[in-house]
Amino acid sequence: MDGWDWVSRVHREEAGHATSAAGALVAGVGAVLLGIGAANDTGWLAVAGGIVAGVGIVGWELLRHVAIDQKLMGRLDRLEK
């Protein structure tokens, strides 16, 4: 058994919603940049961090919808037919 089999298993299973974590990671980085910019009174860094955090939140929601919701709705549509 390969040591990396768990990665593909988690990716295939419904419990491993790792795809949408990319957006949350970007949002987290943006929030940290926003905090650093605000603490150091660096306006451009605070603004850039806020923008990155906002893009990360929207990206998380978009990735979650594409990776989870569409598959779930497709299965429900097939069951209804």
N, C-alpha and C. Protein backbone atom coordinates (compact mmCIF):
# COMPACT_ATOMS: atom_id res chain seq x y z
N MET A 1 0.85 -1.18 0.00
CA MET A 1 0.00 0.00 0.00
C MET A 1 0.89 1.24 0.00
N ASP A 2 0.59 2.12 -0.91
CA ASP A 2 1.34 3.37 -1.02
C ASP A 2 1.01 4.28 0.16
N GLY A 3 1.98 5.02 0.62
CA GLY A 3 1.77 5.91 1.75
C GLY A 3 0.84 7.06 1.46
N TRP A 4 0.60 7.35 0.19
CA TRP A 4 -0.25 8.48 -0.18
C TRP A 4 -1.65 8.06 -0.61
N ASP A 5 -2.04 6.81 -0.39
CA ASP A 5 -3.38 6.35 -0.76
C ASP A 5 -4.47 7.12 -0.01
N TRP A 6 -4.17 7.51 1.20
CA TRP A 6 -5.17 8.23 2.00
C TRP A 6 -5.54 9.55 1.35
N VAL A 7 -4.62 10.18 0.61
CA VAL A 7 -4.91 11.45 -0.03
C VAL A 7 -5.98 11.27 -1.10
N SER A 8 -5.82 10.26 -1.95
CA SER A 8 -6.82 10.04 -2.99
C SER A 8 -8.14 9.56 -2.39
N ARG A 9 -8.08 8.79 -1.30
CA ARG A 9 -9.31 8.33 -0.65
C ARG A 9 -10.08 9.50 -0.06
N VAL A 10 -9.38 10.41 0.61
CA VAL A 10 -10.04 11.58 1.18
C VAL A 10 -10.60 12.46 0.07
N HIS A 11 -9.88 12.56 -1.04
CA HIS A 11 -10.36 13.39 -2.15
C HIS A 11 -11.62 12.79 -2.78
N ARG A 12 -11.71 11.47 -2.85
CA ARG A 12 -12.88 10.82 -3.46
C ARG A 12 -14.08 10.80 -2.52
N GLU A 13 -13.85 10.68 -1.22
CA GLU A 13 -14.94 10.58 -0.27
C GLU A 13 -15.62 11.92 -0.07
N GLU A 14 -16.86 11.86 0.34
CA GLU A 14 -17.61 13.07 0.56
C GLU A 14 -17.15 13.80 1.82
N ALA A 15 -16.53 13.08 2.73
CA ALA A 15 -16.09 13.71 3.97
C ALA A 15 -14.87 14.60 3.78
N GLY A 16 -14.11 14.43 2.71
CA GLY A 16 -12.90 15.21 2.50
C GLY A 16 -13.11 16.37 1.56
N HIS A 17 -13.68 17.43 2.04
CA HIS A 17 -13.96 18.59 1.21
C HIS A 17 -12.73 19.48 1.15
N ALA A 18 -11.65 18.93 0.67
CA ALA A 18 -10.38 19.66 0.67
C ALA A 18 -10.31 20.73 -0.40
N THR A 19 -11.10 20.61 -1.44
CA THR A 19 -11.03 21.57 -2.54
C THR A 19 -11.36 22.98 -2.08
N SER A 20 -12.40 23.11 -1.27
CA SER A 20 -12.81 24.45 -0.85
C SER A 20 -11.88 25.06 0.18
N ALA A 21 -10.96 24.29 0.72
CA ALA A 21 -10.02 24.82 1.71
C ALA A 21 -9.06 25.83 1.11
N ALA A 22 -8.85 25.78 -0.19
CA ALA A 22 -7.95 26.74 -0.84
C ALA A 22 -8.46 28.17 -0.66
N GLY A 23 -9.76 28.37 -0.82
CA GLY A 23 -10.33 29.70 -0.62
C GLY A 23 -10.20 30.16 0.82
N ALA A 24 -10.40 29.25 1.76
CA ALA A 24 -10.27 29.60 3.17
C ALA A 24 -8.83 29.95 3.52
N LEU A 25 -7.89 29.28 2.89
CA LEU A 25 -6.47 29.58 3.12
C LEU A 25 -6.13 30.99 2.61
N VAL A 26 -6.63 31.34 1.44
CA VAL A 26 -6.40 32.68 0.90
C VAL A 26 -7.03 33.73 1.81
N ALA A 27 -8.25 33.46 2.29
CA ALA A 27 -8.91 34.40 3.20
C ALA A 27 -8.12 34.56 4.50
N GLY A 28 -7.57 33.48 4.99
CA GLY A 28 -6.76 33.56 6.21
C GLY A 28 -5.51 34.39 6.03
N VAL A 29 -4.85 34.22 4.90
CA VAL A 29 -3.66 35.02 4.60
C VAL A 29 -4.04 36.50 4.51
N GLY A 30 -5.15 36.78 3.85
CA GLY A 30 -5.61 38.17 3.75
C GLY A 30 -5.94 38.77 5.10
N ALA A 31 -6.54 37.98 5.97
CA ALA A 31 -6.87 38.48 7.31
C ALA A 31 -5.61 38.79 8.11
N VAL A 32 -4.60 37.95 7.97
CA VAL A 32 -3.33 38.20 8.67
C VAL A 32 -2.68 39.47 8.13
N LEU A 33 -2.68 39.63 6.81
CA LEU A 33 -2.12 40.85 6.22
C LEU A 33 -2.89 42.09 6.67
N LEU A 34 -4.20 41.97 6.75
CA LEU A 34 -5.02 43.07 7.22
C LEU A 34 -4.66 43.44 8.65
N GLY A 35 -4.49 42.45 9.50
CA GLY A 35 -4.12 42.71 10.89
C GLY A 35 -2.75 43.34 11.03
N ILE A 36 -1.79 42.86 10.25
CA ILE A 36 -0.44 43.43 10.30
C ILE A 36 -0.46 44.87 9.81
N GLY A 37 -1.18 45.11 8.72
CA GLY A 37 -1.27 46.47 8.19
C GLY A 37 -1.95 47.42 9.15
N ALA A 38 -2.99 46.95 9.83
CA ALA A 38 -3.69 47.81 10.79
C ALA A 38 -2.83 48.07 12.02
N ALA A 39 -2.11 47.06 12.49
CA ALA A 39 -1.28 47.23 13.68
C ALA A 39 -0.10 48.16 13.42
N ASN A 40 0.44 48.12 12.21
CA ASN A 40 1.60 48.96 11.90
C ASN A 40 1.21 50.29 11.28
N ASP A 41 -0.07 50.57 11.21
CA ASP A 41 -0.58 51.80 10.61
C ASP A 41 -0.09 51.95 9.16
N THR A 42 -0.09 50.80 8.46
CA THR A 42 0.30 50.77 7.05
C THR A 42 -0.99 50.61 6.24
N GLY A 43 -1.47 51.72 5.73
CA GLY A 43 -2.76 51.72 5.06
C GLY A 43 -2.83 50.82 3.85
N TRP A 44 -1.79 50.85 3.02
CA TRP A 44 -1.84 50.06 1.79
C TRP A 44 -1.87 48.56 2.09
N LEU A 45 -1.16 48.13 3.15
CA LEU A 45 -1.15 46.72 3.50
C LEU A 45 -2.50 46.29 4.09
N ALA A 46 -3.11 47.17 4.88
CA ALA A 46 -4.43 46.86 5.44
C ALA A 46 -5.47 46.75 4.33
N VAL A 47 -5.42 47.66 3.36
CA VAL A 47 -6.37 47.62 2.24
C VAL A 47 -6.14 46.38 1.40
N ALA A 48 -4.88 46.09 1.08
CA ALA A 48 -4.56 44.90 0.28
C ALA A 48 -4.99 43.63 1.02
N GLY A 49 -4.75 43.58 2.32
CA GLY A 49 -5.16 42.42 3.11
C GLY A 49 -6.67 42.25 3.13
N GLY A 50 -7.40 43.35 3.22
CA GLY A 50 -8.86 43.29 3.17
C GLY A 50 -9.37 42.78 1.84
N ILE A 51 -8.73 43.23 0.77
CA ILE A 51 -9.12 42.77 -0.57
C ILE A 51 -8.83 41.28 -0.72
N VAL A 52 -7.65 40.85 -0.30
CA VAL A 52 -7.28 39.43 -0.40
C VAL A 52 -8.23 38.59 0.45
N ALA A 53 -8.56 39.05 1.64
CA ALA A 53 -9.49 38.31 2.49
C ALA A 53 -10.86 38.21 1.84
N GLY A 54 -11.33 39.29 1.25
CA GLY A 54 -12.63 39.27 0.57
C GLY A 54 -12.63 38.33 -0.62
N VAL A 55 -11.57 38.35 -1.41
CA VAL A 55 -11.46 37.45 -2.55
C VAL A 55 -11.41 36.00 -2.06
N GLY A 56 -10.73 35.75 -0.97
CA GLY A 56 -10.65 34.40 -0.42
C GLY A 56 -12.00 33.89 0.06
N ILE A 57 -12.79 34.77 0.68
CA ILE A 57 -14.12 34.36 1.15
C ILE A 57 -15.03 34.05 -0.02
N VAL A 58 -15.01 34.90 -1.05
CA VAL A 58 -15.82 34.64 -2.24
C VAL A 58 -15.32 33.38 -2.95
N GLY A 59 -14.01 33.21 -3.03
CA GLY A 59 -13.44 32.01 -3.65
C GLY A 59 -13.80 30.75 -2.90
N TRP A 60 -13.81 30.81 -1.56
CA TRP A 60 -14.19 29.64 -0.77
C TRP A 60 -15.62 29.24 -1.08
N GLU A 61 -16.51 30.23 -1.11
CA GLU A 61 -17.92 29.93 -1.38
C GLU A 61 -18.10 29.37 -2.79
N LEU A 62 -17.39 29.92 -3.76
CA LEU A 62 -17.48 29.43 -5.14
C LEU A 62 -16.94 28.00 -5.25
N LEU A 63 -15.79 27.74 -4.66
CA LEU A 63 -15.22 26.39 -4.70
C LEU A 63 -16.10 25.39 -3.97
N ARG A 64 -16.68 25.80 -2.86
CA ARG A 64 -17.58 24.91 -2.13
C ARG A 64 -18.80 24.57 -2.97
N HIS A 65 -19.32 25.56 -3.64
CA HIS A 65 -20.50 25.33 -4.47
C HIS A 65 -20.18 24.38 -5.63
N VAL A 66 -19.05 24.61 -6.27
CA VAL A 66 -18.67 23.78 -7.42
C VAL A 66 -18.31 22.36 -6.96
N ALA A 67 -17.57 22.25 -5.87
CA ALA A 67 -17.05 20.94 -5.46
C ALA A 67 -18.08 20.11 -4.71
N ILE A 68 -18.98 20.73 -3.98
CA ILE A 68 -19.88 19.97 -3.11
C ILE A 68 -21.33 20.08 -3.57
N ASP A 69 -21.83 21.30 -3.68
CA ASP A 69 -23.26 21.49 -3.95
C ASP A 69 -23.70 20.94 -5.30
N GLN A 70 -22.91 21.16 -6.34
CA GLN A 70 -23.32 20.68 -7.65
C GLN A 70 -23.37 19.16 -7.72
N LYS A 71 -22.42 18.49 -7.09
CA LYS A 71 -22.44 17.02 -7.06
C LYS A 71 -23.64 16.51 -6.28
N LEU A 72 -23.91 17.15 -5.16
CA LEU A 72 -25.03 16.75 -4.33
C LEU A 72 -26.36 16.95 -5.07
N MET A 73 -26.52 18.09 -5.71
CA MET A 73 -27.75 18.35 -6.46
C MET A 73 -27.89 17.42 -7.65
N GLY A 74 -26.78 17.06 -8.28
CA GLY A 74 -26.83 16.10 -9.38
C GLY A 74 -27.32 14.73 -8.92
N ARG A 75 -26.84 14.30 -7.75
CA ARG A 75 -27.31 13.02 -7.20
C ARG A 75 -28.78 13.07 -6.86
N LEU A 76 -29.23 14.17 -6.29
CA LEU A 76 -30.65 14.30 -5.95
C LEU A 76 -31.51 14.32 -7.21
N ASP A 77 -31.04 14.97 -8.26
CA ASP A 77 -31.80 14.98 -9.52
C ASP A 77 -31.91 13.58 -10.10
N ARG A 78 -30.82 12.80 -10.03
CA ARG A 78 -30.87 11.42 -10.54
C ARG A 78 -31.82 10.56 -9.72
N LEU A 79 -31.90 10.79 -8.42
CA LEU A 79 -32.82 10.03 -7.57
C LEU A 79 -34.28 10.37 -7.86
N GLU A 80 -34.54 11.62 -8.21
CA GLU A 80 -35.90 12.05 -8.48
C GLU A 80 -36.44 11.51 -9.79
N LYS A 81 -35.57 11.15 -10.71
CA LYS A 81 -36.01 10.67 -12.03
C LYS A 81 -36.48 9.26 -11.98
